[in-house]
Amino acid sequence: MRTSVKITASPHVRSPESTTQIMWSVVFSLVPVIIASIYFFGPSALLVILAATAGCLITERLFGSQPGSISDGSAMITGLLLGLTLPPGFPLWMAFLGGFFGMAFGKIVFGGLGQNIFNPALVGRAFLQAAFPVAITTWPVRPENWLTLFGSNFALPFMSPTADVVTGATPLGILKFADEPVVAPVSNLLLGTTMGSVGETSAVLILLGGLYLAWRGHLNWHIPLSILTTVFAVSGLFYLLGVSQFPPLFMLFSGGLMLGAFYMATDMVTSPVSAKGCWMFGFGIGFLTVIIRIWGGLPEGVMYSILLMNALVPFINRASQPRLFGTSGKKKTKQEDAS
């Protein structure tokens, strides 16, 4: 009696969870961070996040070629992450435009989900950084009335927003550029009671969300661990040598490092496939972040560090290929081959 055998292409070991389930799990883990951002910055934070997300969803709907690309949650994640990297007083039309650019030129132009080289949310953020440098580095002070909306949110398209609130600087900016730098307490950085982007709300909540994803197996824990370890070690060394004013704990919990380490660098499409490659990838991100923060012209360096290392992922994958089963791993000489 003959039995038919079905032969299919790899991979032959499949995960019980689909891409859609993983994506919406990431969205679920971001809910506490979004709620915290709304609590600290008011309704303006929600409007910025919604505008960026709308730009991503509409672009995916109009130009995405893959069926079910809206329901799989990937565009939703891109919009949420982009919105969390923006100031709460950011004009809504700019946030929408950033969502469009991130999806169109960070994902769709490469062929859709699984084909992109760079993290789409950071592509959108980099575009906004280059196109609107003043608006994206204007940090409004939190109003006394929680219901107060920042007037700059409703600036007309292609018109300069008028700031109607007092503006300040982020802890990173104060420590880097102020004549008399003041180091923000670590407790404020952990809880999020500082000025900054919408996602610079609570390092604790971001850490808990990242641990949840690692427990579910939805992110490679080697990446955030290598990033945070590298940042702490390298910044601590420079601080002890007296070449940096950034204490290691301040460097670790300030800015967008926690959000980038757990939610952007761990993007399955744009990160290495092997554990060894992930360590190399994370070390590069951490080292570049410290270098840019200390000697760069901008106080933050997480975005550029991740994008630069995204470009190196194909080379990292090639350099970190595991040894094939049954081979010695040594290169044979021509004489050995002849014998």
Protein backbone atom coordinates (compact mmCIF):
# COMPACT_ATOMS: atom_id res chain seq x y z
CA MET A 1 0.00 0.00 0.00
CA ARG A 2 1.46 3.33 -1.03
CA THR A 3 1.12 6.47 1.02
CA SER A 4 1.29 9.93 -0.49
CA VAL A 5 3.83 12.33 0.99
CA LYS A 6 3.29 16.06 0.64
CA ILE A 7 6.55 17.95 0.13
CA THR A 8 6.47 21.68 0.76
CA ALA A 9 8.99 24.49 0.90
CA SER A 10 10.67 25.48 4.15
CA PRO A 11 10.15 26.38 6.91
CA HIS A 12 8.86 23.01 8.03
CA VAL A 13 8.65 23.96 11.72
CA ARG A 14 5.84 26.44 12.13
CA SER A 15 4.78 28.55 15.09
CA PRO A 16 1.29 27.96 16.48
CA GLU A 17 0.79 31.74 16.52
CA SER A 18 0.14 33.69 13.35
CA THR A 19 1.67 37.02 12.33
CA THR A 20 -1.64 38.70 13.10
CA GLN A 21 -1.70 37.32 16.65
CA ILE A 22 1.86 38.49 17.28
CA MET A 23 1.17 41.97 15.91
CA TRP A 24 -1.93 42.51 18.00
CA SER A 25 -0.08 41.20 21.04
CA VAL A 26 2.42 44.01 20.54
CA VAL A 27 -0.43 46.50 20.20
CA PHE A 28 -1.91 45.19 23.46
CA SER A 29 1.42 45.64 25.27
CA LEU A 30 1.54 49.29 24.15
CA VAL A 31 -1.86 50.15 25.68
CA PRO A 32 -0.47 50.96 29.19
CA VAL A 33 2.22 53.18 27.64
CA ILE A 34 -0.41 55.04 25.60
CA ILE A 35 -2.65 55.47 28.65
CA ALA A 36 0.30 56.85 30.63
CA SER A 37 1.12 59.31 27.83
CA ILE A 38 -2.48 60.57 27.85
CA TYR A 39 -2.39 60.87 31.66
CA PHE A 40 0.81 62.93 31.60
CA PHE A 41 0.27 65.06 28.47
CA GLY A 42 -3.50 65.21 28.19
CA PRO A 43 -5.75 64.71 25.13
CA SER A 44 -3.13 66.22 22.80
CA ALA A 45 -1.03 63.06 23.18
CA LEU A 46 -3.97 60.93 22.04
CA LEU A 47 -4.60 63.20 19.05
CA VAL A 48 -0.97 62.97 17.92
CA ILE A 49 -1.00 59.18 18.20
CA LEU A 50 -4.31 58.95 16.33
CA ALA A 51 -3.09 61.25 13.54
CA ALA A 52 0.09 59.22 12.99
CA THR A 53 -1.87 55.97 13.09
CA ALA A 54 -4.46 57.30 10.64
CA GLY A 55 -1.68 58.23 8.22
CA CYS A 56 -0.31 54.69 8.37
CA LEU A 57 -3.68 52.92 8.05
CA ILE A 58 -4.94 55.06 5.16
CA THR A 59 -1.66 54.70 3.26
CA GLU A 60 -1.69 50.94 3.76
CA ARG A 61 -5.30 50.77 2.62
CA LEU A 62 -4.73 52.84 -0.51
CA PHE A 63 -1.35 51.58 -1.66
CA GLY A 64 -0.72 48.28 0.13
CA SER A 65 -0.75 45.31 -2.22
CA GLN A 66 -0.94 42.49 0.32
CA PRO A 67 -4.43 41.21 1.23
CA GLY A 68 -5.37 41.62 4.86
CA SER A 69 -2.59 44.13 5.47
CA ILE A 70 -4.85 46.32 7.60
CA SER A 71 -6.19 43.53 9.81
CA ASP A 72 -2.77 42.01 10.52
CA GLY A 73 -1.94 44.94 12.82
CA SER A 74 1.41 45.88 11.30
CA ALA A 75 0.24 49.30 10.11
CA MET A 76 -1.36 49.90 13.50
CA ILE A 77 1.94 49.19 15.29
CA THR A 78 3.82 51.54 12.95
CA GLY A 79 1.38 54.35 13.64
CA LEU A 80 1.38 53.87 17.40
CA LEU A 81 5.17 53.75 17.61
CA LEU A 82 5.56 56.79 15.38
CA GLY A 83 3.07 58.75 17.46
CA LEU A 84 4.91 57.82 20.65
CA THR A 85 8.15 59.33 19.27
CA LEU A 86 6.59 62.77 18.66
CA PRO A 87 6.10 65.76 21.00
CA PRO A 88 2.59 66.15 22.44
CA GLY A 89 2.24 69.59 20.79
CA PHE A 90 3.19 68.32 17.34
CA PRO A 91 0.89 69.54 14.52
CA LEU A 92 -1.54 66.81 13.59
CA TRP A 93 -1.07 67.22 9.83
CA MET A 94 2.66 66.65 10.27
CA ALA A 95 2.01 63.50 12.30
CA PHE A 96 -0.32 62.24 9.55
CA LEU A 97 2.30 63.04 6.90
CA GLY A 98 4.91 61.17 8.90
CA GLY A 99 2.64 58.11 8.99
CA PHE A 100 2.18 58.31 5.23
CA PHE A 101 5.92 58.60 4.55
CA GLY A 102 6.84 55.83 6.99
CA MET A 103 4.43 53.36 5.41
CA ALA A 104 5.00 54.37 1.79
CA PHE A 105 8.79 54.63 1.82
CA GLY A 106 9.60 52.42 4.78
CA LYS A 107 7.43 49.43 3.93
CA ILE A 108 5.24 49.49 0.82
CA VAL A 109 8.01 50.52 -1.58
CA PHE A 110 9.96 47.41 -0.54
CA GLY A 111 7.03 45.10 -1.22
CA GLY A 112 5.10 45.10 2.04
CA LEU A 113 5.37 43.26 5.33
CA GLY A 114 8.45 41.08 5.59
CA GLN A 115 10.31 42.81 2.77
CA ASN A 116 11.27 46.14 4.33
CA ILE A 117 14.86 46.87 5.32
CA PHE A 118 14.25 49.69 7.81
CA ASN A 119 11.80 50.08 10.65
CA PRO A 120 8.85 51.99 9.07
CA ALA A 121 8.05 54.01 12.19
CA LEU A 122 11.64 55.28 12.38
CA VAL A 123 11.65 56.05 8.65
CA GLY A 124 8.64 58.30 9.25
CA ARG A 125 10.30 59.84 12.29
CA ALA A 126 13.54 60.49 10.37
CA PHE A 127 11.54 62.20 7.59
CA LEU A 128 9.81 64.46 10.11
CA GLN A 129 13.15 65.23 11.79
CA ALA A 130 14.57 66.39 8.45
CA ALA A 131 11.45 68.19 7.18
CA PHE A 132 10.26 69.89 10.38
CA PRO A 133 13.25 70.15 12.76
CA VAL A 134 11.81 73.02 14.79
CA ALA A 135 8.38 71.50 15.38
CA ILE A 136 9.78 68.10 16.32
CA THR A 137 12.16 69.60 18.89
CA THR A 138 9.62 71.93 20.54
CA TRP A 139 8.59 70.55 23.91
CA PRO A 140 5.57 72.27 25.48
CA VAL A 141 5.31 72.39 29.24
CA ARG A 142 2.43 70.36 30.61
CA PRO A 143 -0.61 72.59 31.21
CA GLU A 144 -2.13 72.85 34.65
CA ASN A 145 -5.53 71.88 33.27
CA TRP A 146 -5.41 68.30 31.94
CA LEU A 147 -8.12 69.03 29.34
CA THR A 148 -6.12 71.84 27.76
CA LEU A 149 -5.19 71.17 24.14
CA PHE A 150 -1.97 72.54 22.66
CA GLY A 151 -2.84 75.09 19.99
CA SER A 152 0.08 73.97 17.86
CA ASN A 153 -1.73 70.66 17.28
CA PHE A 154 -4.21 72.41 15.01
CA ALA A 155 -1.78 74.39 12.87
CA LEU A 156 -2.86 74.54 9.24
CA PRO A 157 -0.94 72.40 6.74
CA PHE A 158 2.30 73.96 5.51
CA MET A 159 1.90 76.84 7.96
CA SER A 160 4.28 77.41 10.87
CA PRO A 161 2.61 76.51 14.16
CA THR A 162 2.25 79.26 16.72
CA ALA A 163 3.26 78.19 20.21
CA ASP A 164 0.74 79.37 22.78
CA VAL A 165 2.35 77.66 25.76
CA VAL A 166 5.67 77.87 27.50
CA THR A 167 8.22 75.49 26.03
CA GLY A 168 11.08 73.74 27.75
CA ALA A 169 13.70 71.11 27.09
CA THR A 170 13.99 67.38 27.66
CA PRO A 171 16.33 66.04 30.37
CA LEU A 172 18.76 64.97 27.64
CA GLY A 173 18.72 68.45 26.10
CA ILE A 174 19.22 70.16 29.45
CA LEU A 175 22.18 68.00 30.38
CA LYS A 176 23.78 68.34 26.94
CA PHE A 177 23.26 72.01 26.09
CA ALA A 178 22.48 73.92 29.32
CA ASP A 179 25.18 76.14 30.82
CA GLU A 180 24.38 74.71 34.24
CA PRO A 181 23.19 71.19 33.50
CA VAL A 182 20.84 69.55 35.96
CA VAL A 183 20.60 65.77 36.10
CA ALA A 184 16.98 64.65 36.33
CA PRO A 185 16.35 62.17 39.14
CA VAL A 186 16.19 58.57 37.97
CA SER A 187 12.80 58.22 39.71
CA ASN A 188 11.34 60.90 37.42
CA LEU A 189 12.69 59.09 34.37
CA LEU A 190 11.26 55.79 35.54
CA LEU A 191 7.81 57.24 36.19
CA GLY A 192 7.76 59.61 33.21
CA THR A 193 7.29 62.91 35.06
CA THR A 194 9.57 64.76 32.61
CA MET A 195 9.18 66.62 29.35
CA GLY A 196 9.83 64.84 26.09
CA SER A 197 8.11 62.81 23.41
CA VAL A 198 4.74 61.20 24.00
CA GLY A 199 6.45 57.84 24.53
CA GLU A 200 8.92 59.18 27.10
CA THR A 201 6.29 58.60 29.74
CA SER A 202 7.30 55.70 31.92
CA ALA A 203 10.36 53.51 31.52
CA VAL A 204 8.77 51.08 33.97
CA LEU A 205 5.69 50.52 31.80
CA ILE A 206 7.80 50.10 28.66
CA LEU A 207 10.00 47.59 30.50
CA LEU A 208 6.95 45.64 31.68
CA GLY A 209 5.54 45.60 28.14
CA GLY A 210 8.86 44.37 26.79
CA LEU A 211 9.07 41.62 29.41
CA TYR A 212 5.54 40.53 28.50
CA LEU A 213 6.50 40.24 24.83
CA ALA A 214 9.68 38.35 25.71
CA TRP A 215 7.64 35.95 27.87
CA ARG A 216 5.26 35.38 24.96
CA GLY A 217 8.24 34.80 22.66
CA HIS A 218 7.29 37.77 20.47
CA LEU A 219 10.66 39.49 20.71
CA ASN A 220 14.23 38.27 20.85
CA TRP A 221 15.43 39.18 24.35
CA HIS A 222 19.06 39.21 23.19
CA ILE A 223 18.48 42.54 21.41
CA PRO A 224 17.17 44.75 24.26
CA LEU A 225 19.56 43.12 26.75
CA SER A 226 22.58 43.77 24.54
CA ILE A 227 21.48 47.36 23.84
CA LEU A 228 20.88 48.27 27.48
CA THR A 229 24.03 46.49 28.68
CA THR A 230 26.17 48.24 26.07
CA VAL A 231 24.71 51.67 26.82
CA PHE A 232 25.24 51.22 30.56
CA ALA A 233 28.80 49.90 30.20
CA VAL A 234 30.06 52.32 27.53
CA SER A 235 28.41 55.42 29.05
CA GLY A 236 29.66 54.37 32.50
CA LEU A 237 33.22 54.06 31.16
CA PHE A 238 33.11 57.49 29.51
CA TYR A 239 31.57 58.98 32.66
CA LEU A 240 34.31 57.57 34.87
CA LEU A 241 36.98 58.83 32.44
CA GLY A 242 35.49 62.32 32.64
CA VAL A 243 34.73 62.64 28.92
CA SER A 244 30.95 62.50 29.39
CA GLN A 245 28.52 64.31 31.68
CA PHE A 246 25.90 61.56 31.30
CA PRO A 247 25.66 59.18 34.29
CA PRO A 248 24.99 55.61 33.12
CA LEU A 249 21.58 55.27 34.79
CA PHE A 250 20.48 58.61 33.35
CA MET A 251 21.67 57.49 29.92
CA LEU A 252 19.74 54.24 30.31
CA PHE A 253 16.31 55.59 31.25
CA SER A 254 16.23 58.96 29.48
CA GLY A 255 14.98 59.75 26.00
CA GLY A 256 13.60 57.06 23.72
CA LEU A 257 16.11 54.33 24.54
CA MET A 258 13.70 52.02 26.36
CA LEU A 259 11.02 52.34 23.67
CA GLY A 260 13.57 51.82 20.92
CA ALA A 261 15.26 48.86 22.59
CA PHE A 262 12.08 46.90 23.28
CA TYR A 263 9.74 47.90 20.46
CA MET A 264 11.74 49.14 17.45
CA ALA A 265 15.07 47.37 17.44
CA THR A 266 13.27 44.05 18.03
CA ASP A 267 11.25 44.29 14.82
CA MET A 268 11.40 40.72 13.49
CA VAL A 269 11.75 41.84 9.88
CA THR A 270 14.60 44.32 10.34
CA SER A 271 16.67 42.50 12.99
CA PRO A 272 19.13 39.58 12.64
CA VAL A 273 17.95 35.99 12.68
CA SER A 274 20.58 34.37 14.91
CA ALA A 275 21.33 34.94 18.59
CA LYS A 276 24.93 35.84 17.78
CA GLY A 277 23.75 38.32 15.19
CA CYS A 278 21.32 39.87 17.67
CA TRP A 279 24.15 40.45 20.13
CA MET A 280 26.19 42.16 17.42
CA PHE A 281 23.15 44.17 16.35
CA GLY A 282 22.36 45.30 19.90
CA PHE A 283 25.97 46.20 20.65
CA GLY A 284 26.09 48.40 17.56
CA ILE A 285 22.87 50.21 18.49
CA GLY A 286 23.98 50.78 22.07
CA PHE A 287 27.45 51.99 21.13
CA LEU A 288 26.20 54.35 18.41
CA THR A 289 23.53 55.75 20.74
CA VAL A 290 26.13 56.69 23.34
CA ILE A 291 28.47 58.22 20.74
CA ILE A 292 25.70 60.33 19.16
CA ARG A 293 24.35 61.48 22.51
CA ILE A 294 27.76 62.59 23.77
CA TRP A 295 29.35 64.05 20.63
CA GLY A 296 26.48 64.47 18.16
CA GLY A 297 24.67 67.67 17.34
CA LEU A 298 21.39 66.29 18.68
CA PRO A 299 20.72 65.13 22.24
CA GLU A 300 19.13 61.87 21.10
CA GLY A 301 20.64 59.13 18.96
CA VAL A 302 18.42 56.07 19.26
CA MET A 303 16.59 56.59 15.96
CA TYR A 304 19.73 56.97 13.85
CA SER A 305 21.46 54.11 15.63
CA ILE A 306 18.66 51.65 14.87
CA LEU A 307 18.34 52.77 11.25
CA LEU A 308 22.09 52.47 10.68
CA MET A 309 22.17 48.99 12.17
CA ASN A 310 19.07 48.02 10.13
CA ALA A 311 21.16 48.70 7.03
CA LEU A 312 23.86 46.34 8.33
CA VAL A 313 21.52 43.44 9.14
CA PRO A 314 22.19 41.53 5.87
CA PHE A 315 25.92 41.67 6.57
CA ILE A 316 25.40 40.67 10.21
CA ASN A 317 23.30 37.70 9.11
CA ARG A 318 26.05 36.62 6.74
CA ALA A 319 28.78 37.00 9.38
CA SER A 320 26.80 35.19 12.08
CA GLN A 321 25.64 32.18 10.07
CA PRO A 322 25.74 29.08 12.28
CA ARG A 323 27.98 26.20 11.26
CA LEU A 324 26.23 23.65 9.09
CA PHE A 325 25.60 20.30 10.74
CA GLY A 326 28.33 17.81 9.87
CA THR A 327 30.95 20.38 8.86
CA SER A 328 34.09 21.33 10.75
CA GLY A 329 33.78 25.04 10.14
CA LYS A 330 37.34 25.19 8.77
CA LYS A 331 38.06 26.38 5.26
CA LYS A 332 39.65 23.74 3.09
CA THR A 333 42.73 24.57 1.08
CA LYS A 334 43.04 23.74 -2.61
CA GLN A 335 45.65 21.07 -1.74
CA GLU A 336 43.20 19.35 0.64
CA ASP A 337 40.47 19.44 -1.99
CA ALA A 338 42.85 17.87 -4.56
CA SER A 339 43.80 15.05 -2.23
